[in-house]
Amino acid sequence: MSKLNPHYVSGFVDGEGCFAICIGKHRTLKTETEIKLEFEIELVEEDRRILERIREALGCGNIYTLDYDRYGWRPHVKYKVQKLSDFTEKLIPFFRKYPLQAKKKRSLEIFAKAVGLVAKGEHLDKNKMHKFVKLQKMMRQDSKKRTLTARVRENRLPSGV
């Protein structure tokens, strides 16, 4: 099978990708706060092959199977990248070379700032957590979700709620 066109990958991510800055409490860390950076794409199981091809094009990440049976949804797959080195050496350079065109472009820039802060070790300084909170807030303002989307409805099984 031929390699995906990198512009296709960027377009796909514009529509289905998610850059996330996750901030949570963590009792065993000195800062008592954990910063997790994630990039992911989640699709129905039938679309696993496209995620495998995107992973191949980006050269990093893993694919996981998700079971949403308890919600009445069809099985899903999630492509996820979490390693700092993958962000700095592969993911961000890829999207700088093959730019995103929609609002995910701004999300990538905010995400890249958070990656830079983590690379400098600022996630280990309790006094610098406010920087991550600010970036997370900026990202959330850009991606406010609607109450019920067509995507949620299409992912449900015919017998689902």
Protein backbone atom coordinates (compact mmCIF):
# COMPACT_ATOMS: atom_id res chain seq x y z
CA MET A 1 0.00 0.00 0.00
CA SER A 2 1.31 3.46 -0.87
CA LYS A 3 2.33 5.98 1.76
CA LEU A 4 -0.25 8.64 2.60
CA ASN A 5 0.21 12.06 1.10
CA PRO A 6 1.37 14.27 4.01
CA HIS A 7 -1.12 16.98 3.02
CA TYR A 8 -3.89 14.39 3.36
CA VAL A 9 -2.64 13.63 6.89
CA SER A 10 -2.77 17.34 7.78
CA GLY A 11 -6.27 17.65 6.38
CA PHE A 12 -7.41 14.57 8.27
CA VAL A 13 -5.98 15.96 11.51
CA ASP A 14 -7.68 19.31 10.86
CA GLY A 15 -10.99 17.45 10.93
CA GLU A 16 -10.46 14.62 13.42
CA GLY A 17 -7.30 15.29 15.45
CA CYS A 18 -7.06 16.56 19.00
CA PHE A 19 -4.16 18.29 20.75
CA ALA A 20 -4.64 18.25 24.52
CA ILE A 21 -3.01 19.75 27.58
CA CYS A 22 -4.22 17.72 30.58
CA ILE A 23 -3.68 19.04 34.09
CA GLY A 24 -4.45 16.85 37.08
CA LYS A 25 -3.73 16.47 40.75
CA HIS A 26 -1.00 14.01 41.62
CA ARG A 27 -0.23 13.39 45.31
CA THR A 28 3.18 11.80 44.83
CA LEU A 29 4.67 14.55 42.65
CA LYS A 30 6.56 17.41 44.28
CA THR A 31 4.38 19.92 42.43
CA GLU A 32 1.21 17.96 43.36
CA THR A 33 0.16 18.55 39.76
CA GLU A 34 0.70 16.41 36.68
CA ILE A 35 0.93 17.83 33.18
CA LYS A 36 0.17 15.43 30.33
CA LEU A 37 0.43 16.41 26.69
CA GLU A 38 -1.44 14.28 24.18
CA PHE A 39 -2.25 14.16 20.50
CA GLU A 40 -4.98 11.76 19.44
CA ILE A 41 -7.44 10.73 16.79
CA GLU A 42 -10.38 8.50 17.66
CA LEU A 43 -12.43 6.67 15.01
CA VAL A 44 -14.76 3.70 14.74
CA GLU A 45 -13.01 0.31 14.55
CA GLU A 46 -13.76 -0.03 10.83
CA ASP A 47 -11.35 2.87 10.19
CA ARG A 48 -8.37 1.30 11.99
CA ARG A 49 -6.37 1.02 8.76
CA ILE A 50 -6.35 4.78 8.17
CA LEU A 51 -5.02 5.32 11.70
CA GLU A 52 -2.28 2.77 11.03
CA ARG A 53 -1.33 4.65 7.88
CA ILE A 54 -1.34 8.00 9.72
CA ARG A 55 0.87 6.49 12.42
CA GLU A 56 3.21 5.30 9.67
CA ALA A 57 3.28 8.77 8.08
CA LEU A 58 4.01 10.51 11.41
CA GLY A 59 6.47 7.85 12.56
CA CYS A 60 5.31 7.72 16.16
CA GLY A 61 2.49 6.87 18.55
CA ASN A 62 0.33 3.86 19.34
CA ILE A 63 -3.12 2.59 18.46
CA TYR A 64 -5.51 1.33 21.13
CA THR A 65 -8.84 -0.49 20.89
CA LEU A 66 -11.67 1.06 22.92
CA ASP A 67 -14.83 -0.73 23.95
CA TYR A 68 -17.83 1.56 24.31
CA ASP A 69 -20.36 -1.28 24.51
CA ARG A 70 -21.67 -0.03 27.85
CA TYR A 71 -22.72 3.20 26.11
CA GLY A 72 -24.31 1.42 23.18
CA TRP A 73 -21.57 2.63 20.81
CA ARG A 74 -19.67 0.65 18.24
CA PRO A 75 -16.05 -0.28 19.07
CA HIS A 76 -13.50 2.49 18.45
CA VAL A 77 -9.77 2.80 17.92
CA LYS A 78 -7.58 5.62 19.19
CA TYR A 79 -4.26 6.75 17.80
CA LYS A 80 -2.31 8.49 20.55
CA VAL A 81 1.06 10.23 20.84
CA GLN A 82 2.36 11.09 24.34
CA LYS A 83 6.18 11.08 24.26
CA LEU A 84 7.90 14.46 24.47
CA SER A 85 10.57 13.36 21.99
CA ASP A 86 7.86 12.37 19.49
CA PHE A 87 6.31 15.83 19.81
CA THR A 88 9.59 17.69 19.39
CA GLU A 89 11.23 15.48 16.76
CA LYS A 90 8.30 14.20 14.70
CA LEU A 91 4.79 15.56 15.27
CA ILE A 92 5.40 19.32 15.49
CA PRO A 93 8.02 19.34 12.70
CA PHE A 94 5.60 17.36 10.48
CA PHE A 95 2.82 19.93 10.93
CA ARG A 96 5.23 22.82 10.45
CA LYS A 97 6.29 21.31 7.12
CA TYR A 98 2.71 20.36 6.14
CA PRO A 99 0.65 23.06 7.89
CA LEU A 100 -2.82 22.60 9.27
CA GLN A 101 -5.34 24.91 7.62
CA ALA A 102 -8.31 25.09 9.99
CA LYS A 103 -8.67 26.01 13.67
CA LYS A 104 -6.43 23.09 14.68
CA LYS A 105 -3.57 25.26 13.42
CA ARG A 106 -4.02 27.52 16.47
CA SER A 107 -4.37 24.48 18.74
CA LEU A 108 -1.05 23.17 17.43
CA GLU A 109 0.67 26.49 18.17
CA ILE A 110 -0.68 26.54 21.74
CA PHE A 111 0.24 22.88 22.14
CA ALA A 112 3.77 23.56 20.82
CA LYS A 113 4.20 26.25 23.50
CA ALA A 114 3.25 23.71 26.17
CA VAL A 115 5.69 21.19 24.66
CA GLY A 116 8.41 23.84 24.84
CA LEU A 117 7.63 24.50 28.51
CA VAL A 118 7.80 20.79 29.32
CA ALA A 119 11.06 20.46 27.37
CA LYS A 120 12.50 23.22 29.60
CA GLY A 121 11.29 21.38 32.72
CA GLU A 122 8.77 24.04 33.71
CA HIS A 123 6.16 21.37 34.47
CA LEU A 124 8.33 20.45 37.47
CA ASP A 125 8.09 23.92 39.03
CA LYS A 126 4.97 24.55 41.10
CA ASN A 127 5.34 28.31 40.52
CA LYS A 128 5.08 27.85 36.74
CA MET A 129 1.90 25.78 36.62
CA HIS A 130 -0.08 28.92 35.80
CA LYS A 131 1.53 28.92 32.34
CA PHE A 132 0.02 25.52 31.56
CA VAL A 133 -3.35 26.55 32.96
CA LYS A 134 -3.34 29.63 30.71
CA LEU A 135 -2.45 27.57 27.61
CA GLN A 136 -5.08 24.96 28.45
CA LYS A 137 -7.72 27.68 28.85
CA MET A 138 -6.76 29.19 25.46
CA MET A 139 -7.08 25.79 23.82
CA ARG A 140 -10.44 25.06 25.46
CA GLN A 141 -11.87 28.40 24.33
CA ASP A 142 -11.05 27.45 20.76
CA SER A 143 -12.70 24.04 20.94
CA LYS A 144 -15.98 24.49 22.80
CA LYS A 145 -18.17 21.48 22.08
CA ARG A 146 -21.81 21.56 21.14
CA THR A 147 -24.34 19.65 23.25
CA LEU A 148 -25.11 16.84 20.78
CA THR A 149 -23.20 16.37 17.55
CA ALA A 150 -23.81 14.25 14.50
CA ARG A 151 -20.57 12.41 15.25
CA VAL A 152 -21.93 11.14 18.56
CA ARG A 153 -25.11 9.93 16.90
CA GLU A 154 -23.29 8.17 14.05
CA ASN A 155 -21.05 6.26 16.48
CA ARG A 156 -23.93 4.60 18.26
CA LEU A 157 -25.12 1.11 17.43
CA PRO A 158 -28.66 0.84 16.02
CA SER A 159 -29.69 -0.63 19.40
CA GLY A 160 -27.88 2.15 21.32
CA VAL A 161 -29.49 4.88 23.36
